[in-house]
């Protein structure tokens, strides 16, 4: 088995995989990591469903990937910041498609100014977690029809920045901090994976959260020059503490590698609920500044509290 790590690319991770006959659904599939993940999987024979809120960008990405790989690429418009849009997209997906083998919950926003989704949720928690929570629920009938299905939720080392504040997830009673809000949403992505594994693992549906690495994509469109400088500083410290890691920032092909690993690696067959980084299951460590998963992000009780809170906020029980 190949020993993948920091510098591995999506194509390298998928080199020995055959995804013919597999249907892969990717949110945020028209740019950045989502697009590269989709392209790499299409190149190995997968049927793609690209989802995002911009119909024109979806069409452009679909045409480009299909032209390069020869794959069948479908699109589905869905705005993760609108529960009505998600419900409509879920209904359309179940009418149009037969199954989903790999669900890649990739889309997200990072460190944005204070704002709310259509339904009044804090924008990062609402989009990054609640949007994917409801979409996954709506797509679960298709996932249940998949062959050895897996669900991959893109989290981040940013989960180190904060826990989920169950009593005030939407900053109703506390001062907004864009990085803490990002951290809360990324912790929620990990806890969602733990919750999914508990409920569906015994049915053969396994879930994973991944840290793709530090990558310069349009996810960082809200960052100031000071934010970027601070990120570079943290990356430099991390690289110094991890000799041979390849440095701070990853390329987009390197950033998509851990997602592809989580979605396809035989090493993970029959098990899940893990947080992965650099194409391996991360250690649990509450002090390590250069990596690892925080214990609060994989705590089963926290996962249950988040699941119940999420059902309450979206106004319905999770399917399945």
Protein backbone atom coordinates (compact mmCIF):
# COMPACT_ATOMS: atom_id res chain seq x y z
CA UNK A 1 0.00 0.00 0.00
CA UNK A 2 1.36 3.42 -0.92
CA UNK A 3 2.45 5.63 1.95
CA UNK A 4 0.65 8.90 1.33
CA UNK A 5 1.32 12.10 3.24
CA UNK A 6 1.57 15.89 3.19
CA UNK A 7 2.75 16.19 -0.42
CA UNK A 8 0.55 13.54 -2.00
CA UNK A 9 -1.86 14.70 -4.71
CA UNK A 10 -5.40 13.61 -5.49
CA UNK A 11 -4.23 11.85 -8.65
CA UNK A 12 -1.56 9.94 -6.73
CA UNK A 13 -4.04 8.81 -4.08
CA UNK A 14 -6.45 7.61 -6.76
CA UNK A 15 -3.82 6.04 -9.03
CA UNK A 16 -4.82 2.46 -8.20
CA UNK A 17 -8.55 3.13 -7.78
CA UNK A 18 -11.22 2.34 -10.39
CA UNK A 19 -14.31 4.47 -9.86
CA UNK A 20 -16.22 3.22 -12.88
CA UNK A 21 -19.90 2.91 -12.02
CA UNK A 22 -19.50 5.05 -8.90
CA UNK A 23 -21.61 8.20 -8.49
CA UNK A 24 -19.87 11.03 -6.64
CA UNK A 25 -21.79 14.06 -5.34
CA UNK A 26 -19.62 17.11 -4.55
CA UNK A 27 -20.86 20.32 -2.94
CA UNK A 28 -18.92 23.41 -3.96
CA UNK A 29 -17.84 21.41 -6.97
CA UNK A 30 -17.13 24.26 -9.39
CA UNK A 31 -14.00 25.75 -7.81
CA UNK A 32 -11.00 25.06 -5.59
CA UNK A 33 -10.77 21.78 -3.75
CA UNK A 34 -14.23 20.64 -4.79
CA UNK A 35 -13.46 21.02 -8.46
CA UNK A 36 -10.09 19.26 -8.15
CA UNK A 37 -11.63 16.41 -6.15
CA UNK A 38 -14.32 16.03 -8.81
CA UNK A 39 -11.83 16.17 -11.69
CA UNK A 40 -9.55 13.57 -10.13
CA UNK A 41 -12.45 11.20 -9.49
CA UNK A 42 -13.89 11.74 -12.96
CA UNK A 43 -10.49 10.83 -14.39
CA UNK A 44 -10.85 7.44 -12.69
CA UNK A 45 -14.28 6.80 -14.23
CA UNK A 46 -16.73 8.28 -11.73
CA UNK A 47 -20.08 9.77 -12.66
CA UNK A 48 -20.17 13.25 -11.11
CA UNK A 49 -22.93 15.38 -9.65
CA UNK A 50 -21.60 18.88 -9.01
CA UNK A 51 -23.61 21.04 -6.64
CA UNK A 52 -23.38 24.75 -5.88
CA UNK A 53 -25.40 27.94 -5.81
CA UNK A 54 -24.16 29.42 -9.11
CA UNK A 55 -25.74 27.70 -12.10
CA UNK A 56 -23.41 29.30 -14.67
CA UNK A 57 -20.26 28.30 -12.77
CA UNK A 58 -21.61 24.78 -12.34
CA UNK A 59 -22.22 24.49 -16.08
CA UNK A 60 -18.73 25.77 -16.85
CA UNK A 61 -17.02 23.36 -14.48
CA UNK A 62 -19.11 20.44 -15.73
CA UNK A 63 -18.21 21.17 -19.34
CA UNK A 64 -14.52 21.53 -18.49
CA UNK A 65 -14.29 18.32 -16.46
CA UNK A 66 -16.33 16.30 -18.96
CA UNK A 67 -14.17 17.59 -21.81
CA UNK A 68 -10.96 16.68 -20.01
CA UNK A 69 -11.98 13.27 -18.65
CA UNK A 70 -14.85 12.05 -20.80
CA UNK A 71 -16.92 11.54 -17.66
CA UNK A 72 -20.65 12.08 -17.30
CA UNK A 73 -21.07 15.24 -15.25
CA UNK A 74 -24.45 16.40 -13.95
CA UNK A 75 -25.17 19.56 -11.98
CA UNK A 76 -27.60 20.47 -9.21
CA UNK A 77 -28.19 24.03 -8.02
CA UNK A 78 -28.25 24.28 -4.23
CA UNK A 79 -27.62 27.20 -1.89
CA UNK A 80 -26.44 25.83 1.44
CA UNK A 81 -27.38 29.11 3.11
CA UNK A 82 -31.09 28.51 2.39
CA UNK A 83 -33.09 25.64 3.86
CA UNK A 84 -35.74 26.04 1.14
CA UNK A 85 -33.07 25.75 -1.56
CA UNK A 86 -31.67 22.63 0.11
CA UNK A 87 -35.09 21.00 0.35
CA UNK A 88 -35.79 21.79 -3.30
CA UNK A 89 -32.39 20.42 -4.37
CA UNK A 90 -32.91 17.27 -2.33
CA UNK A 91 -36.26 16.63 -3.95
CA UNK A 92 -34.79 17.18 -7.42
CA UNK A 93 -31.83 14.91 -6.69
CA UNK A 94 -34.07 12.04 -5.62
CA UNK A 95 -36.12 12.45 -8.79
CA UNK A 96 -33.15 12.63 -11.17
CA UNK A 97 -30.54 10.27 -9.76
CA UNK A 98 -30.50 6.58 -8.85
CA UNK A 99 -27.86 6.53 -6.10
CA UNK A 100 -24.90 8.27 -4.49
CA UNK A 101 -21.85 6.17 -3.64
CA UNK A 102 -19.62 8.98 -2.38
CA UNK A 103 -21.02 12.17 -0.85
CA UNK A 104 -18.37 14.88 -0.55
CA UNK A 105 -19.58 17.77 1.62
CA UNK A 106 -16.89 20.16 0.46
CA UNK A 107 -18.43 23.64 0.21
CA UNK A 108 -17.92 26.27 2.88
CA UNK A 109 -17.16 29.82 3.94
CA UNK A 110 -14.26 30.94 6.12
CA UNK A 111 -13.70 33.84 8.50
CA UNK A 112 -16.33 36.02 6.90
CA UNK A 113 -17.78 39.22 8.37
CA UNK A 114 -20.78 38.84 10.67
CA UNK A 115 -23.78 37.77 8.63
CA UNK A 116 -26.77 35.48 8.59
CA UNK A 117 -28.14 32.84 6.28
CA UNK A 118 -31.59 33.21 4.72
CA UNK A 119 -33.03 31.48 7.79
CA UNK A 120 -31.23 33.65 10.34
CA UNK A 121 -28.36 31.35 11.34
CA UNK A 122 -24.84 32.70 11.82
CA UNK A 123 -23.40 32.42 8.34
CA UNK A 124 -20.49 30.03 8.97
CA UNK A 125 -22.35 27.64 11.28
CA UNK A 126 -25.43 27.84 9.07
CA UNK A 127 -23.63 27.18 5.79
CA UNK A 128 -20.75 24.92 6.79
CA UNK A 129 -22.70 22.70 9.18
CA UNK A 130 -26.49 23.14 9.15
CA UNK A 131 -26.66 23.37 5.36
CA UNK A 132 -24.75 20.13 4.95
CA UNK A 133 -26.67 18.49 7.80
CA UNK A 134 -29.99 19.07 6.04
CA UNK A 135 -28.65 18.31 2.55
CA UNK A 136 -27.15 15.02 3.72
CA UNK A 137 -30.50 14.13 5.28
CA UNK A 138 -32.30 14.81 2.00
CA UNK A 139 -29.73 12.80 0.02
CA UNK A 140 -29.61 9.87 2.44
CA UNK A 141 -32.16 7.79 0.47
CA UNK A 142 -29.74 7.93 -2.48
CA UNK A 143 -26.69 7.22 -0.29
CA UNK A 144 -28.47 4.17 1.14
CA UNK A 145 -28.74 2.83 -2.42
CA UNK A 146 -24.98 3.27 -2.97
CA UNK A 147 -22.34 0.56 -3.11
CA UNK A 148 -20.12 0.72 0.01
CA UNK A 149 -21.14 4.37 0.41
CA UNK A 150 -19.02 6.93 2.23
CA UNK A 151 -19.67 10.49 3.37
CA UNK A 152 -16.74 12.90 3.62
CA UNK A 153 -17.17 16.19 5.49
CA UNK A 154 -14.51 18.83 4.97
CA UNK A 155 -13.46 20.16 8.33
CA UNK A 156 -10.19 21.93 9.10
CA UNK A 157 -7.43 22.32 11.63
CA UNK A 158 -9.45 25.45 12.30
CA UNK A 159 -11.53 23.26 14.62
CA UNK A 160 -8.74 23.92 17.14
CA UNK A 161 -10.01 27.51 17.39
CA UNK A 162 -13.28 26.80 19.20
CA UNK A 163 -15.81 24.25 20.35
CA UNK A 164 -19.51 24.26 19.53
CA UNK A 165 -21.41 26.62 21.82
CA UNK A 166 -24.59 24.61 22.17
CA UNK A 167 -26.35 27.35 24.14
CA UNK A 168 -25.52 30.08 21.61
CA UNK A 169 -24.37 28.72 18.22
CA UNK A 170 -25.61 31.81 16.37
CA UNK A 171 -23.88 34.47 18.47
CA UNK A 172 -27.12 35.86 19.82
CA UNK A 173 -25.62 36.60 23.26
CA UNK A 174 -21.88 36.90 22.65
CA UNK A 175 -19.55 39.05 20.62
CA UNK A 176 -18.88 37.77 17.13
CA UNK A 177 -15.35 36.66 16.27
CA UNK A 178 -14.91 35.45 12.69
CA UNK A 179 -12.17 32.94 13.52
CA UNK A 180 -13.94 31.47 16.53
CA UNK A 181 -17.10 31.19 14.43
CA UNK A 182 -15.11 29.37 11.76
CA UNK A 183 -13.65 27.07 14.42
CA UNK A 184 -17.11 26.30 15.80
CA UNK A 185 -18.37 25.35 12.33
CA UNK A 186 -15.36 23.13 11.64
CA UNK A 187 -15.75 21.36 15.00
CA UNK A 188 -19.37 20.80 14.03
CA UNK A 189 -18.22 19.13 10.79
CA UNK A 190 -16.19 16.61 12.81
CA UNK A 191 -18.99 15.96 15.29
CA UNK A 192 -21.44 15.47 12.41
CA UNK A 193 -19.18 12.72 11.07
CA UNK A 194 -19.15 11.05 14.48
CA UNK A 195 -22.95 11.25 14.62
CA UNK A 196 -23.35 9.84 11.13
CA UNK A 197 -21.06 6.92 11.91
CA UNK A 198 -23.03 6.06 15.04
CA UNK A 199 -26.34 6.01 13.16
CA UNK A 200 -25.35 4.53 9.83
CA UNK A 201 -22.04 2.69 10.29
CA UNK A 202 -23.79 -0.58 11.08
CA UNK A 203 -25.68 -0.21 7.79
CA UNK A 204 -22.43 0.02 5.85
CA UNK A 205 -22.43 3.81 5.42
CA UNK A 206 -19.25 5.29 6.85
CA UNK A 207 -18.41 8.94 7.50
CA UNK A 208 -15.16 10.88 7.84
CA UNK A 209 -14.04 14.42 8.51
CA UNK A 210 -10.90 15.72 6.83
CA UNK A 211 -8.43 18.57 7.20
CA UNK A 212 -7.28 19.30 3.64
CA UNK A 213 -4.34 21.47 4.73
CA UNK A 214 -3.68 25.15 4.22
CA UNK A 215 -4.53 25.96 0.61
CA UNK A 216 -4.91 29.32 -1.09
CA UNK A 217 -8.34 29.11 -2.75
CA UNK A 218 -11.34 31.41 -3.01
CA UNK A 219 -12.37 30.08 0.42
CA UNK A 220 -10.08 32.81 1.74
CA UNK A 221 -11.76 35.62 -0.16
CA UNK A 222 -12.79 37.34 3.08
CA UNK A 223 -9.29 37.35 4.57
CA UNK A 224 -7.41 40.58 5.15
CA UNK A 225 -3.68 40.98 4.49
CA UNK A 226 -3.17 40.67 8.25
CA UNK A 227 -5.15 37.41 8.32
CA UNK A 228 -3.04 35.97 5.51
CA UNK A 229 0.19 37.08 7.20
CA UNK A 230 -0.88 35.38 10.44
CA UNK A 231 -1.78 32.20 8.56
CA UNK A 232 1.63 32.18 6.87
CA UNK A 233 3.29 32.61 10.26
CA UNK A 234 1.40 29.66 11.70
CA UNK A 235 2.23 27.58 8.63
CA UNK A 236 5.92 28.40 9.01
CA UNK A 237 5.90 27.37 12.67
CA UNK A 238 4.12 24.15 11.74
CA UNK A 239 6.66 23.37 9.01
CA UNK A 240 9.57 23.98 11.40
CA UNK A 241 8.07 21.58 13.93
CA UNK A 242 7.37 18.97 11.27
CA UNK A 243 10.59 18.52 9.28
CA UNK A 244 9.92 17.02 5.90
CA UNK A 245 6.29 18.09 5.85
CA UNK A 246 6.93 20.04 2.68
CA UNK A 247 6.28 23.47 4.14
CA UNK A 248 3.17 25.41 5.02
CA UNK A 249 0.66 25.83 2.22
CA UNK A 250 -0.39 22.98 -0.05
CA UNK A 251 -1.25 23.15 -3.72
CA UNK A 252 -4.87 22.51 -4.67
CA UNK A 253 -4.05 18.97 -5.97
CA UNK A 254 -2.33 18.24 -2.65
CA UNK A 255 -5.24 19.75 -0.73
CA UNK A 256 -7.73 17.42 -2.43
CA UNK A 257 -5.69 14.32 -1.62
CA UNK A 258 -7.01 13.63 1.89
CA UNK A 259 -10.61 13.93 0.68
CA UNK A 260 -9.90 11.37 -2.05
CA UNK A 261 -8.14 9.13 0.46
CA UNK A 262 -11.06 9.24 2.89
CA UNK A 263 -13.51 8.52 0.09
CA UNK A 264 -11.70 5.58 -1.48
CA UNK A 265 -8.91 4.05 0.63
CA UNK A 266 -9.22 0.30 1.34
CA UNK A 267 -7.50 1.04 4.67
CA UNK A 268 -10.76 2.58 5.90
CA UNK A 269 -13.11 -0.14 4.68
CA UNK A 270 -15.77 -1.02 7.20
CA UNK A 271 -14.94 1.73 9.70
CA UNK A 272 -15.42 5.46 10.11
CA UNK A 273 -16.13 8.36 12.41
CA UNK A 274 -12.52 9.51 12.00
CA UNK A 275 -10.82 12.85 11.44
CA UNK A 276 -8.04 12.63 8.85
CA UNK A 277 -5.13 14.87 7.89
CA UNK A 278 -2.33 14.31 5.37
CA UNK A 279 -3.96 11.07 4.21
CA UNK A 280 -4.01 9.34 7.59
CA UNK A 281 -6.23 9.13 10.65
CA UNK A 282 -5.15 11.89 13.02
CA UNK A 283 -4.12 11.34 16.62
CA UNK A 284 -6.25 12.73 19.43
CA UNK A 285 -4.28 15.51 21.13
CA UNK A 286 -5.56 18.60 22.93
CA UNK A 287 -2.21 20.44 22.94
CA UNK A 288 -0.54 19.78 19.59
CA UNK A 289 -0.54 23.09 17.65
CA UNK A 290 0.59 21.53 14.39
CA UNK A 291 -2.17 18.99 13.91
CA UNK A 292 -4.22 16.22 15.54
CA UNK A 293 -7.89 16.25 16.47
CA UNK A 294 -9.19 17.84 19.65
CA UNK A 295 -11.05 15.52 22.01
CA UNK A 296 -14.13 17.77 22.11
CA UNK A 297 -14.52 17.34 18.33
CA UNK A 298 -14.85 13.56 18.50
CA UNK A 299 -16.68 13.32 21.82
CA UNK A 300 -19.79 11.12 21.41
CA UNK A 301 -21.86 13.16 23.87
CA UNK A 302 -21.03 16.38 22.03
CA UNK A 303 -21.97 14.67 18.76
CA UNK A 304 -25.36 13.76 20.21
CA UNK A 305 -25.98 17.27 21.52
CA UNK A 306 -25.12 18.73 18.12
CA UNK A 307 -27.37 16.25 16.29
CA UNK A 308 -30.35 17.13 18.48
CA UNK A 309 -29.62 20.87 18.21
CA UNK A 310 -29.30 20.62 14.42
CA UNK A 311 -32.65 18.83 14.07
CA UNK A 312 -34.23 21.51 16.23
CA UNK A 313 -32.73 24.37 14.20
CA UNK A 314 -33.62 22.99 10.75
CA UNK A 315 -37.07 22.00 12.01
CA UNK A 316 -37.09 18.32 11.10
CA UNK A 317 -35.71 14.92 11.97
CA UNK A 318 -32.77 13.56 10.01
CA UNK A 319 -33.83 10.95 7.44
CA UNK A 320 -32.98 7.31 7.85
